[in-house]
Amino acid sequence: MKKLFSTVVVVSFAVSSTLLSSFSFASDMIAVCNACSEQQMQNRAIQYAPNGGKVHVIDIHNNKVSAYQTEREEGLVMYWAIPVKESIRAGVTHVRNAKNTIEDLAQGSVNIEHLRPFLGAYSDINTAHTVAKYAPQKAAIKTALSDYFTGNIAGAITSASVSLGTAIVNQALTVNLAVNVHFPSDGTTYAFMFKGIIKNLNGDVSVMFEPIIDSGRDKGIRLHESHNYTGYRARGASDALQRILNYMLASGVAVTLNGNPLPTGTVTITDVVCSNEPGKGCNATE
């Protein structure tokens, strides 16, 4: 059944409505409306084709797709439901499958051992402490995550982009997923954000990730992002603080314990404070 949608501006046409329709209806438009109600999906169709056209509105969150035809007459927009193209329905299914696969693979954390075959020259990375400090290590893990996830979802993404186009797939695939890369040797983690997909000139698709700066953690303690610890403060588990102090010393930072030179061996540390004044170093307390 045709429905009317009034507009506040009345537009006079310089061409006949028949001619306009022949241009507008030449191809289907695809719009994304994730987590939308039926009315919101209808509004999105009108937004995309205010002068007439066929619009498929996809909602990956609710796993549905609807199609509408719109037509403008004398300042009013009429719209009604039309059958969904099977190719577009299939494309939506492929996007949904890719989204589910990403979420299932990640489950909040990816073990570095899963990524090691993709790390190349950086296959010896074993702690988030060094990832926090070295841009090349961040870049290596970013590439490894891309290869790891792409290998698992490339088929679904390629199929989806054939039906919908890569731009639409990127809009639809709103995973907004932060993946923690876990280092079992010391329990540290560093997070990377899923950023979407790209389609290369040869038609191949790749998944993109970016490091989340300041996301490195050792038992909940934030890892510093550089070799200069000025203004850094850490409090928490003693063994994590001991590791942080060891990396400070390796970076050439002067470290004291209760104002005295840091002794060798293991001590129980409760707090680390680094001066805001250059050259003052860092002081730990028991």
Protein backbone atom coordinates (compact mmCIF):
# COMPACT_ATOMS: atom_id res chain seq x y z
CA MET A 1 0.00 0.00 0.00
CA LYS A 2 1.28 3.45 -0.92
CA LYS A 3 1.92 5.85 1.95
CA LEU A 4 2.41 9.61 1.85
CA PHE A 5 5.26 11.51 3.39
CA SER A 6 4.79 15.29 3.30
CA THR A 7 7.67 17.71 2.74
CA VAL A 8 7.96 21.31 3.83
CA VAL A 9 9.27 22.46 0.47
CA VAL A 10 7.25 22.13 -2.71
CA VAL A 11 9.52 21.57 -5.71
CA SER A 12 8.42 22.40 -9.24
CA PHE A 13 9.71 19.97 -11.86
CA ALA A 14 11.27 21.09 -15.12
CA VAL A 15 10.95 17.59 -16.55
CA SER A 16 8.06 15.18 -16.61
CA SER A 17 7.63 12.74 -13.76
CA THR A 18 7.85 9.88 -16.26
CA LEU A 19 11.26 11.03 -17.44
CA LEU A 20 12.42 11.61 -13.87
CA SER A 21 11.30 8.13 -12.86
CA SER A 22 13.20 6.55 -15.72
CA PHE A 23 16.42 8.08 -14.36
CA SER A 24 15.69 7.52 -10.66
CA PHE A 25 14.59 3.92 -10.98
CA ALA A 26 17.48 2.86 -13.20
CA SER A 27 19.36 1.22 -10.31
CA ASP A 28 18.75 0.25 -6.71
CA MET A 29 20.24 2.29 -3.90
CA ILE A 30 21.45 0.66 -0.69
CA ALA A 31 21.24 2.39 2.68
CA VAL A 32 22.43 1.24 6.11
CA CYS A 33 20.25 1.69 9.18
CA ASN A 34 21.65 -0.46 11.98
CA ALA A 35 19.44 -1.18 15.02
CA CYS A 36 16.54 0.68 13.40
CA SER A 37 12.79 0.35 13.82
CA GLU A 38 10.58 -0.26 10.79
CA GLN A 39 9.64 3.42 10.71
CA GLN A 40 13.28 4.47 10.84
CA MET A 41 14.06 2.16 7.92
CA GLN A 42 11.22 3.70 5.92
CA ASN A 43 12.51 7.19 6.74
CA ARG A 44 15.99 6.18 5.61
CA ALA A 45 14.59 5.03 2.26
CA ILE A 46 12.84 8.39 1.78
CA GLN A 47 16.04 10.19 2.75
CA TYR A 48 17.99 8.30 0.07
CA ALA A 49 15.39 8.68 -2.68
CA PRO A 50 13.37 11.84 -2.01
CA ASN A 51 12.70 12.30 -5.73
CA GLY A 52 11.82 8.69 -6.43
CA GLY A 53 13.73 5.45 -6.60
CA LYS A 54 14.22 1.95 -5.27
CA VAL A 55 16.07 1.65 -1.96
CA HIS A 56 17.19 -1.42 -0.04
CA VAL A 57 17.70 -0.63 3.64
CA ILE A 58 19.88 -3.09 5.53
CA ASP A 59 20.15 -3.56 9.28
CA ILE A 60 23.00 -5.89 10.23
CA HIS A 61 22.33 -5.45 13.96
CA ASN A 62 18.79 -6.82 13.64
CA ASN A 63 19.75 -9.12 10.73
CA LYS A 64 17.10 -7.81 8.32
CA VAL A 65 16.77 -6.04 4.99
CA SER A 66 13.74 -4.20 3.57
CA ALA A 67 13.13 -2.67 0.15
CA TYR A 68 11.01 0.35 -0.75
CA GLN A 69 9.98 2.28 -3.80
CA THR A 70 9.47 6.02 -3.44
CA GLU A 71 7.81 8.49 -5.80
CA ARG A 72 7.38 12.26 -5.55
CA GLU A 73 4.27 14.02 -6.79
CA GLU A 74 3.42 17.68 -6.18
CA GLY A 75 5.65 18.07 -3.11
CA LEU A 76 4.59 14.77 -1.53
CA VAL A 77 6.62 11.57 -1.33
CA MET A 78 4.78 8.28 -1.64
CA TYR A 79 6.51 5.05 -0.64
CA TRP A 80 5.64 1.37 -0.51
CA ALA A 81 7.35 -1.93 0.17
CA ILE A 82 8.75 -3.95 -2.72
CA PRO A 83 10.38 -7.42 -2.84
CA VAL A 84 13.96 -7.66 -1.62
CA LYS A 85 16.47 -8.71 -4.26
CA GLU A 86 17.94 -12.11 -3.43
CA SER A 87 21.46 -10.95 -4.30
CA ILE A 88 21.22 -8.14 -1.75
CA ARG A 89 19.70 -10.45 0.85
CA ALA A 90 22.61 -12.84 0.29
CA GLY A 91 25.08 -9.96 0.64
CA VAL A 92 23.57 -9.02 3.99
CA THR A 93 23.90 -12.63 5.14
CA HIS A 94 27.59 -12.64 4.17
CA VAL A 95 28.19 -9.42 6.14
CA ARG A 96 26.43 -10.87 9.17
CA ASN A 97 28.51 -14.06 8.94
CA ALA A 98 31.72 -12.01 8.76
CA LYS A 99 30.66 -9.96 11.79
CA ASN A 100 29.90 -13.11 13.78
CA THR A 101 33.22 -14.66 12.78
CA ILE A 102 35.18 -11.59 13.89
CA GLU A 103 33.42 -11.57 17.26
CA ASP A 104 33.85 -15.33 17.72
CA LEU A 105 37.54 -15.25 16.80
CA ALA A 106 38.31 -12.35 19.11
CA GLN A 107 36.19 -13.15 22.17
CA GLY A 108 37.83 -10.13 23.74
CA SER A 109 41.38 -11.47 23.38
CA VAL A 110 43.74 -13.00 20.79
CA ASN A 111 46.75 -14.96 22.00
CA ILE A 112 50.03 -13.73 20.52
CA GLU A 113 50.77 -17.36 19.61
CA HIS A 114 47.92 -17.23 17.06
CA LEU A 115 49.58 -14.22 15.45
CA ARG A 116 53.20 -15.40 15.56
CA PRO A 117 53.12 -17.06 12.10
CA PHE A 118 52.18 -13.64 10.65
CA LEU A 119 54.74 -11.51 12.53
CA GLY A 120 57.67 -12.02 10.14
CA ALA A 121 60.85 -10.37 11.44
CA TYR A 122 59.04 -9.54 14.70
CA SER A 123 58.08 -13.11 15.55
CA ASP A 124 59.99 -12.86 18.85
CA ILE A 125 57.61 -10.27 20.42
CA ASN A 126 56.64 -11.69 23.81
CA THR A 127 55.41 -8.83 25.98
CA ALA A 128 53.18 -5.78 25.77
CA HIS A 129 55.90 -3.79 27.57
CA THR A 130 57.92 -3.55 24.35
CA VAL A 131 54.83 -3.15 22.14
CA ALA A 132 53.93 -0.05 24.14
CA LYS A 133 57.35 1.49 23.47
CA TYR A 134 58.13 0.51 19.89
CA ALA A 135 56.10 1.69 16.88
CA PRO A 136 57.50 -1.09 14.61
CA GLN A 137 56.16 -3.75 17.01
CA LYS A 138 52.73 -2.10 17.00
CA ALA A 139 52.81 -2.07 13.19
CA ALA A 140 53.86 -5.74 13.05
CA ILE A 141 50.98 -6.85 15.29
CA LYS A 142 48.55 -4.63 13.37
CA THR A 143 49.55 -6.42 10.14
CA ALA A 144 49.43 -9.84 11.82
CA LEU A 145 45.90 -9.20 13.11
CA SER A 146 44.85 -8.14 9.63
CA ASP A 147 46.27 -11.33 8.08
CA TYR A 148 44.84 -13.55 10.85
CA PHE A 149 41.29 -12.18 10.57
CA THR A 150 41.33 -11.70 6.80
CA GLY A 151 42.18 -15.36 6.30
CA ASN A 152 39.03 -16.31 8.17
CA ILE A 153 36.51 -13.88 6.70
CA ALA A 154 37.88 -12.95 3.25
CA GLY A 155 35.41 -15.24 1.47
CA ALA A 156 32.36 -13.77 3.20
CA ILE A 157 33.58 -10.19 2.76
CA THR A 158 34.38 -10.69 -0.93
CA SER A 159 30.93 -12.16 -1.54
CA ALA A 160 29.28 -9.33 0.38
CA SER A 161 31.20 -6.61 -1.46
CA VAL A 162 30.22 -8.10 -4.84
CA SER A 163 26.53 -7.75 -3.93
CA LEU A 164 26.62 -4.56 -1.87
CA GLY A 165 29.87 -2.74 -2.64
CA THR A 166 32.78 -2.33 -0.24
CA ALA A 167 31.59 1.10 0.97
CA ILE A 168 28.25 -0.34 2.09
CA VAL A 169 29.94 -3.32 3.74
CA ASN A 170 32.16 -0.96 5.74
CA GLN A 171 29.12 0.98 6.91
CA ALA A 172 27.23 -2.17 7.77
CA LEU A 173 30.08 -3.94 9.54
CA THR A 174 29.93 -1.79 12.67
CA VAL A 175 31.77 -4.21 14.89
CA ASN A 176 33.47 -1.48 16.98
CA LEU A 177 35.54 -4.27 18.47
CA ALA A 178 38.61 -3.71 20.62
CA VAL A 179 40.77 -6.85 20.50
CA ASN A 180 43.21 -7.44 23.34
CA VAL A 181 46.39 -9.19 22.20
CA HIS A 182 47.40 -11.37 25.15
CA PHE A 183 51.01 -12.27 25.98
CA PRO A 184 50.98 -15.43 28.13
CA SER A 185 54.66 -15.14 29.14
CA ASP A 186 53.86 -12.31 31.56
CA GLY A 187 50.09 -11.86 31.30
CA THR A 188 50.32 -8.44 29.64
CA THR A 189 47.89 -7.19 26.97
CA TYR A 190 47.76 -4.51 24.29
CA ALA A 191 44.54 -3.56 22.49
CA PHE A 192 43.87 -2.97 18.80
CA MET A 193 40.65 -1.59 17.31
CA PHE A 194 38.93 -3.17 14.32
CA LYS A 195 38.60 -0.35 11.76
CA GLY A 196 36.81 -1.97 8.83
CA ILE A 197 37.83 -3.46 5.51
CA ILE A 198 39.51 -2.27 2.35
CA LYS A 199 39.32 -3.63 -1.19
CA ASN A 200 42.59 -3.56 -3.09
CA LEU A 201 42.98 -2.74 -6.78
CA ASN A 202 43.20 -6.46 -7.57
CA GLY A 203 39.86 -7.06 -5.87
CA ASP A 204 41.22 -8.67 -2.69
CA VAL A 205 39.80 -7.55 0.63
CA SER A 206 41.69 -6.98 3.87
CA VAL A 207 40.63 -6.34 7.44
CA MET A 208 42.14 -3.26 9.12
CA PHE A 209 43.20 -2.77 12.73
CA GLU A 210 44.82 0.16 14.53
CA PRO A 211 46.64 0.15 17.89
CA ILE A 212 44.86 1.85 20.78
CA ILE A 213 47.52 4.07 22.31
CA ASP A 214 47.89 3.78 26.11
CA SER A 215 46.00 0.48 26.12
CA GLY A 216 48.94 -1.65 27.28
CA ARG A 217 48.32 -3.29 30.66
CA ASP A 218 50.25 -5.46 33.10
CA LYS A 219 47.78 -6.80 35.70
CA GLY A 220 45.68 -3.70 35.18
CA ILE A 221 48.61 -1.26 35.43
CA ARG A 222 48.95 1.07 32.45
CA LEU A 223 52.17 0.64 30.49
CA HIS A 224 54.03 3.78 29.51
CA GLU A 225 54.30 4.51 25.78
CA SER A 226 57.88 5.76 25.63
CA HIS A 227 61.31 5.40 27.20
CA ASN A 228 60.84 8.73 29.00
CA TYR A 229 58.85 8.01 32.16
CA THR A 230 58.48 11.65 33.19
CA GLY A 231 55.19 12.11 35.06
CA TYR A 232 54.41 8.37 35.07
CA ARG A 233 52.80 6.81 38.14
CA ALA A 234 51.85 3.18 38.73
CA ARG A 235 50.25 1.33 41.62
CA GLY A 236 49.11 -2.29 41.80
CA ALA A 237 50.46 -5.85 41.82
CA SER A 238 54.04 -6.09 43.09
CA ASP A 239 55.24 -8.47 40.36
CA ALA A 240 53.85 -6.19 37.64
CA LEU A 241 55.54 -3.18 39.24
CA GLN A 242 58.80 -5.13 39.41
CA ARG A 243 58.59 -5.82 35.67
CA ILE A 244 57.88 -2.13 35.02
CA LEU A 245 60.96 -1.18 37.07
CA ASN A 246 63.08 -3.68 35.11
CA TYR A 247 62.02 -2.07 31.82
CA MET A 248 62.72 1.36 33.30
CA LEU A 249 66.25 0.29 34.21
CA ALA A 250 66.74 -1.20 30.73
CA SER A 251 65.71 2.17 29.29
CA GLY A 252 68.40 3.93 31.34
CA VAL A 253 66.01 5.49 33.86
CA ALA A 254 67.42 6.12 37.35
CA VAL A 255 65.27 4.16 39.81
CA THR A 256 65.37 4.36 43.60
CA LEU A 257 63.51 2.50 46.35
CA ASN A 258 62.34 4.67 49.24
CA GLY A 259 64.88 7.27 48.12
CA ASN A 260 67.81 4.80 48.03
CA PRO A 261 69.38 2.96 45.07
CA LEU A 262 67.20 0.04 43.96
CA PRO A 263 68.69 -3.17 45.42
CA THR A 264 69.22 -6.30 43.38
CA GLY A 265 66.84 -9.20 43.82
CA THR A 266 63.11 -9.19 44.37
CA VAL A 267 61.42 -6.69 46.66
CA THR A 268 57.76 -6.03 47.42
CA ILE A 269 56.79 -2.82 45.61
CA THR A 270 53.50 -1.00 46.09
CA ASP A 271 53.95 2.26 44.21
CA VAL A 272 56.11 3.85 41.50
CA VAL A 273 56.28 7.61 41.01
CA CYS A 274 58.33 9.35 38.32
CA SER A 275 59.23 13.02 38.72
CA ASN A 276 57.91 15.61 36.32
CA GLU A 277 61.36 17.19 36.41
CA PRO A 278 63.72 15.78 33.76
CA GLY A 279 66.62 13.79 35.15
CA LYS A 280 65.03 13.07 38.52
CA GLY A 281 64.21 9.48 37.62
CA CYS A 282 61.60 7.29 39.32
CA ASN A 283 61.11 6.28 42.93
CA ALA A 284 59.47 3.09 44.16
CA THR A 285 58.04 2.51 47.62
CA GLU A 286 57.54 -0.71 49.59
